[in-house]
Protein backbone atom coordinates (compact mmCIF):
# COMPACT_ATOMS: atom_id res chain seq x y z
CA MET A 1 8.06 53.66 -48.22
CA PRO A 2 4.33 53.07 -45.93
CA ARG A 3 1.40 53.92 -47.77
CA PRO A 4 -0.46 56.79 -46.80
CA VAL A 5 -3.20 56.21 -45.06
CA ASP A 6 -6.04 58.00 -46.30
CA ALA A 7 -8.50 59.58 -43.31
CA LEU A 8 -11.76 58.44 -44.79
CA GLU A 9 -10.74 54.79 -44.54
CA LEU A 10 -10.02 55.16 -40.44
CA PRO A 11 -12.65 54.71 -38.43
CA TRP A 12 -12.72 57.55 -36.14
CA SER A 13 -11.86 60.01 -38.78
CA ARG A 14 -16.29 61.36 -39.28
CA ASP A 15 -15.77 61.98 -35.39
CA PHE A 16 -12.51 63.92 -36.75
CA ASP A 17 -14.67 66.04 -38.81
CA ASP A 18 -17.46 66.32 -37.01
CA PRO A 19 -18.22 70.07 -36.19
CA ARG A 20 -20.13 69.14 -32.97
CA LEU A 21 -16.81 67.56 -31.31
CA GLU A 22 -14.64 70.32 -32.02
CA TRP A 23 -15.17 72.23 -28.80
CA ARG A 24 -13.93 69.09 -26.88
CA ARG A 25 -10.71 68.94 -29.50
CA LEU A 26 -10.67 73.49 -28.48
CA PHE A 27 -11.04 72.79 -24.89
CA SER A 28 -8.30 70.36 -24.86
CA GLU A 29 -6.20 72.22 -25.73
CA PHE A 30 -7.08 75.01 -24.24
CA PHE A 31 -7.00 73.11 -20.93
CA GLY A 32 -3.68 71.37 -21.81
CA THR A 33 -1.57 74.62 -22.77
CA PHE A 34 -2.93 76.66 -19.65
CA LEU A 35 -1.47 73.66 -17.22
CA LEU A 36 1.83 73.58 -18.87
CA VAL A 37 2.06 77.39 -18.77
CA LEU A 38 1.33 77.48 -15.20
CA VAL A 39 4.19 75.37 -14.21
CA GLY A 40 6.50 76.44 -16.48
CA ALA A 41 5.81 79.91 -15.46
CA GLY A 42 4.70 79.50 -12.10
CA GLY A 43 8.39 77.93 -11.76
CA ALA A 44 10.49 81.15 -12.36
CA VAL A 45 7.43 82.76 -10.08
CA VAL A 46 6.79 80.88 -7.21
CA ASP A 47 11.07 80.55 -6.84
CA ALA A 48 10.65 84.11 -6.41
CA ALA A 49 8.10 83.93 -4.51
CA SER A 50 9.20 81.90 -1.99
CA GLY A 51 12.96 82.92 -1.89
CA GLY A 52 14.44 80.44 -3.78
CA GLN A 53 12.68 77.32 -2.80
CA ILE A 54 12.60 75.61 -6.03
CA GLY A 55 15.63 75.57 -8.15
CA ARG A 56 16.77 75.60 -12.14
CA ALA A 57 16.25 71.75 -11.75
CA ALA A 58 12.73 71.15 -10.36
CA GLY A 59 11.52 73.73 -12.26
CA VAL A 60 12.80 72.61 -15.78
CA ALA A 61 11.55 68.92 -14.42
CA ALA A 62 7.93 70.47 -13.78
CA PRO A 63 7.05 71.59 -17.35
CA GLY A 64 8.16 67.58 -18.54
CA LEU A 65 6.64 65.53 -16.44
CA LEU A 66 3.09 67.27 -16.91
CA VAL A 67 3.55 66.97 -20.42
CA LEU A 68 3.90 63.07 -19.93
CA GLY A 69 1.11 63.28 -17.89
CA ILE A 70 -1.06 65.77 -20.12
CA ILE A 71 -0.37 63.34 -22.87
CA LEU A 72 -1.62 60.37 -21.37
CA PHE A 73 -4.77 61.71 -19.82
CA MET A 74 -5.75 63.71 -22.69
CA GLY A 75 -4.01 63.06 -25.53
CA ALA A 76 -6.90 60.95 -27.46
CA VAL A 77 -8.51 63.74 -27.32
CA SER A 78 -6.83 66.83 -29.48
CA GLY A 79 -3.42 64.90 -29.81
CA ALA A 80 -2.34 66.87 -26.98
CA HIS A 81 -0.03 69.55 -28.96
CA LEU A 82 -0.03 72.76 -26.26
CA ASN A 83 2.09 74.33 -28.78
CA PRO A 84 1.88 76.03 -32.23
CA ALA A 85 5.47 74.80 -33.16
CA VAL A 86 4.42 71.30 -32.89
CA THR A 87 0.81 71.92 -34.66
CA LEU A 88 2.28 73.40 -38.15
CA ALA A 89 5.19 70.34 -37.76
CA PHE A 90 2.18 67.77 -37.74
CA ALA A 91 0.89 70.52 -40.97
CA ALA A 92 3.27 70.10 -42.63
CA ARG A 93 3.89 66.13 -42.42
CA GLY A 94 -0.13 65.66 -43.67
CA ASP A 95 -1.23 64.72 -40.27
CA PHE A 96 -3.25 67.12 -39.20
CA PRO A 97 -5.42 69.59 -41.67
CA TRP A 98 -4.24 73.38 -42.33
CA ARG A 99 -8.30 74.41 -41.29
CA ARG A 100 -7.72 73.57 -37.93
CA VAL A 101 -4.44 75.02 -37.47
CA PRO A 102 -5.65 78.82 -37.17
CA GLY A 103 -7.92 77.94 -34.14
CA TYR A 104 -5.71 75.76 -32.07
CA ILE A 105 -3.04 78.13 -32.65
CA VAL A 106 -5.17 81.19 -31.01
CA THR A 107 -6.78 78.70 -28.66
CA GLN A 108 -3.05 77.78 -27.39
CA LEU A 109 -1.86 81.39 -27.11
CA VAL A 110 -5.13 82.28 -25.29
CA ALA A 111 -4.78 79.72 -22.70
CA ALA A 112 -0.99 80.61 -22.41
CA SER A 113 -1.75 83.98 -21.49
CA VAL A 114 -4.91 83.23 -18.87
CA ALA A 115 -2.60 81.06 -16.82
CA VAL A 116 0.21 83.88 -16.44
CA LEU A 117 -2.99 86.38 -15.46
CA VAL A 118 -3.86 83.48 -12.88
CA LEU A 119 -0.31 83.68 -11.84
CA ARG A 120 -0.40 87.60 -11.73
CA ALA A 121 -2.93 87.15 -10.02
CA LEU A 122 -1.79 84.56 -6.82
CA PHE A 123 1.65 85.79 -6.54
CA GLY A 124 2.53 89.21 -7.87
CA ASN A 125 4.43 90.53 -10.26
CA VAL A 126 7.26 88.57 -9.41
CA GLY A 127 10.07 86.60 -11.21
CA GLY A 128 9.43 88.23 -14.74
CA LEU A 129 5.79 86.54 -14.69
CA GLY A 130 8.13 83.64 -15.89
CA ALA A 131 9.26 85.45 -19.44
CA THR A 132 11.51 83.16 -21.06
CA LEU A 133 15.02 85.95 -22.03
CA PRO A 134 17.93 84.86 -23.25
CA GLY A 135 20.27 84.38 -19.84
CA ASP A 136 22.68 86.76 -18.88
CA GLY A 137 25.67 86.53 -20.79
CA PHE A 138 23.87 85.50 -23.76
CA THR A 139 23.07 86.45 -27.03
CA ASP A 140 20.19 86.83 -28.77
CA LEU A 141 21.78 85.22 -31.64
CA GLN A 142 22.96 82.18 -29.13
CA ALA A 143 19.20 81.83 -27.54
CA VAL A 144 17.81 81.63 -31.31
CA VAL A 145 20.12 78.87 -32.54
CA VAL A 146 19.99 76.84 -29.11
CA GLU A 147 15.84 76.72 -29.14
CA LEU A 148 16.08 75.74 -32.81
CA LEU A 149 17.81 72.86 -31.68
CA LEU A 150 15.74 71.62 -29.02
CA THR A 151 12.74 72.48 -31.10
CA LEU A 152 14.33 70.00 -33.32
CA GLY A 153 15.12 67.32 -31.23
CA LEU A 154 11.55 67.81 -29.43
CA VAL A 155 9.91 68.13 -32.78
CA SER A 156 11.81 65.13 -34.01
CA THR A 157 10.64 62.99 -31.27
CA ILE A 158 7.16 63.91 -31.00
CA LEU A 159 6.82 63.00 -34.94
CA GLY A 160 9.32 60.01 -34.50
CA THR A 161 7.46 58.53 -31.62
CA ALA A 162 3.79 58.98 -33.41
CA SER A 163 4.82 57.28 -36.84
CA THR A 164 3.40 54.55 -37.54
CA ALA A 165 6.88 52.50 -38.65
CA GLN A 166 8.03 53.46 -34.81
CA ASN A 167 5.03 54.39 -32.81
CA VAL A 168 5.66 53.40 -29.11
CA GLY A 169 1.83 54.21 -27.72
CA ALA A 170 1.93 55.68 -24.14
CA LEU A 171 5.93 55.59 -24.44
CA SER A 172 5.38 58.61 -26.16
CA ALA A 173 4.72 60.62 -23.34
CA LEU A 174 7.64 59.17 -21.79
CA ALA A 175 10.33 60.10 -24.52
CA VAL A 176 8.50 63.88 -25.20
CA GLY A 177 8.08 64.17 -21.56
CA GLY A 178 11.93 63.12 -20.55
CA TYR A 179 12.95 64.96 -24.30
CA ILE A 180 11.54 68.61 -22.34
CA VAL A 181 13.36 68.07 -19.17
CA LEU A 182 16.43 66.75 -20.98
CA ALA A 183 16.35 69.59 -22.90
CA GLY A 184 15.54 72.20 -19.91
CA LEU A 185 18.50 71.40 -17.71
CA TRP A 186 20.93 71.48 -20.24
CA SER A 187 20.14 74.43 -21.92
CA SER A 188 17.85 77.05 -19.78
CA PRO A 189 20.73 79.23 -18.54
CA VAL A 190 21.10 80.01 -22.39
CA SER A 191 17.27 80.48 -23.97
CA GLY A 192 14.82 79.60 -20.75
CA ALA A 193 14.19 76.28 -23.13
CA SER A 194 11.03 77.19 -24.48
CA MET A 195 10.75 75.31 -27.50
CA ASN A 196 6.86 76.65 -27.63
CA PRO A 197 5.82 80.64 -29.11
CA ALA A 198 2.78 80.08 -27.18
CA ARG A 199 4.64 79.38 -23.57
CA SER A 200 6.73 82.52 -24.20
CA PHE A 201 3.61 84.24 -25.41
CA GLY A 202 1.92 84.34 -22.29
CA PRO A 203 4.32 86.76 -19.83
CA ALA A 204 5.60 88.72 -23.25
CA LEU A 205 1.66 89.60 -23.54
CA ILE A 206 1.14 89.76 -19.63
CA ASN A 207 4.17 92.06 -19.09
CA ALA A 208 3.76 93.84 -22.16
CA ASP A 209 7.10 93.27 -23.37
CA PHE A 210 8.04 91.63 -26.89
CA SER A 211 11.80 92.98 -27.16
CA ALA A 212 13.03 89.47 -27.00
CA TYR A 213 9.95 87.43 -28.49
CA TRP A 214 11.31 86.82 -32.13
CA VAL A 215 13.73 84.29 -30.35
CA TYR A 216 10.74 82.54 -28.88
CA LEU A 217 9.27 82.20 -32.97
CA VAL A 218 12.32 82.35 -35.12
CA GLY A 219 13.92 79.54 -33.36
CA PRO A 220 10.52 77.12 -32.66
CA PHE A 221 9.58 77.54 -35.81
CA ALA A 222 12.91 76.81 -38.10
CA GLY A 223 13.79 73.70 -35.86
CA ALA A 224 10.01 72.44 -36.49
CA ALA A 225 10.45 72.95 -39.73
CA ILE A 226 13.80 71.48 -40.55
CA ALA A 227 12.60 68.42 -37.78
CA VAL A 228 9.69 67.80 -40.41
CA ALA A 229 12.36 67.66 -43.35
CA VAL A 230 14.16 65.23 -40.80
CA ALA A 231 11.63 62.52 -40.70
CA PHE A 232 11.14 62.90 -44.56
CA LEU A 233 14.26 61.62 -44.66
CA LEU A 234 14.04 58.98 -41.98
CA ARG A 235 10.43 57.44 -43.01
CA GLY A 236 9.37 59.27 -46.20
CA ARG A 237 5.80 60.60 -46.41
CA GLY A 238 3.43 61.54 -43.01
CA GLY A 239 -0.12 61.12 -43.05
CA ASP A 240 0.24 57.10 -41.76
CA ALA A 241 -2.51 55.84 -39.30
CA GLY A 242 0.00 56.39 -36.48
CA GLY A 243 0.50 60.31 -37.41
CA LEU A 244 -3.24 61.09 -38.02
CA ALA A 245 -3.90 59.12 -34.41
CA ALA A 246 -1.27 61.40 -32.79
CA ALA A 247 -1.81 64.42 -34.08
CA ARG A 248 -6.01 64.36 -34.52
CA GLY A 249 -6.47 62.35 -31.45
CA ASP A 250 -9.14 59.43 -31.15
CA LEU A 251 -12.12 60.82 -30.04
CA HIS A 252 -14.32 57.61 -31.58
CA ARG A 253 -11.78 56.04 -28.14
CA ALA A 254 -11.98 58.89 -25.59
CA ALA A 255 -15.56 59.27 -26.27
CA PRO A 256 -17.69 56.23 -27.38
CA GLU A 257 -21.39 57.97 -27.34
CA ALA A 258 -19.75 60.38 -30.44
CA ALA A 259 -19.67 57.57 -32.64
CA THR A 260 -23.64 56.65 -31.52
CA GLU A 261 -25.05 60.00 -32.45
CA PRO A 262 -26.68 60.66 -35.69
CA ARG A 263 -24.02 62.63 -37.67
CA SER A 264 -24.33 66.13 -40.07
CA ALA A 265 -22.10 66.16 -42.80
CA ALA A 266 -18.99 67.31 -42.79
CA PRO A 267 -17.90 70.41 -43.40
């Protein structure tokens, strides 16, 4: 079993504890989640506004491709969680400090809401503003179980490719983005393949309709919790160097000037 790595042993851990750099991580989460919801919810909105020129396949592929790009271009800043279920999974795994969880989750929810407001301002209140709802002919129970299973696979992919035992570096972006596309292709008619409470929160808030939102809380959070348990069974305890770097980002490398600035005491 790999020994958990004390964060103090890592050269970038001091940057992670520097409160002057926290705004970069929160902005990264805001920007990434904003883009994800803009594309994820925007597919349905633009499809409705254009008379059906997007289509289901393109609508579910676009968010996966976007996540691939986000992980590659700013995963080193914040870890590119973009999803409250992922943030909680990293924390439960021991790769991310619990004290940072509220800031990440609030930022993700705000970003999702802003993205939906932008869509409404641009295209009007069409396409349900990209709301994720159980599909016609499917029950809430079927939708919540599908969301659980999809999130189990998504978070397992994220945790697995992040661990030192199986770290694949930049290829993890391909794995995560590819999984999101795959999940949407086979299951979006059932639940919308959200796998992300923030993604579903934005349209629910702007539409003032939380009637089915419980599906997108219970399913993803339960799936993430099971994924953490599966990761323990497969690889033992978390907290290894690969998991820590993936969950927290690596501003020591992404922002070299941070390493040369005088440091204040860690909070």
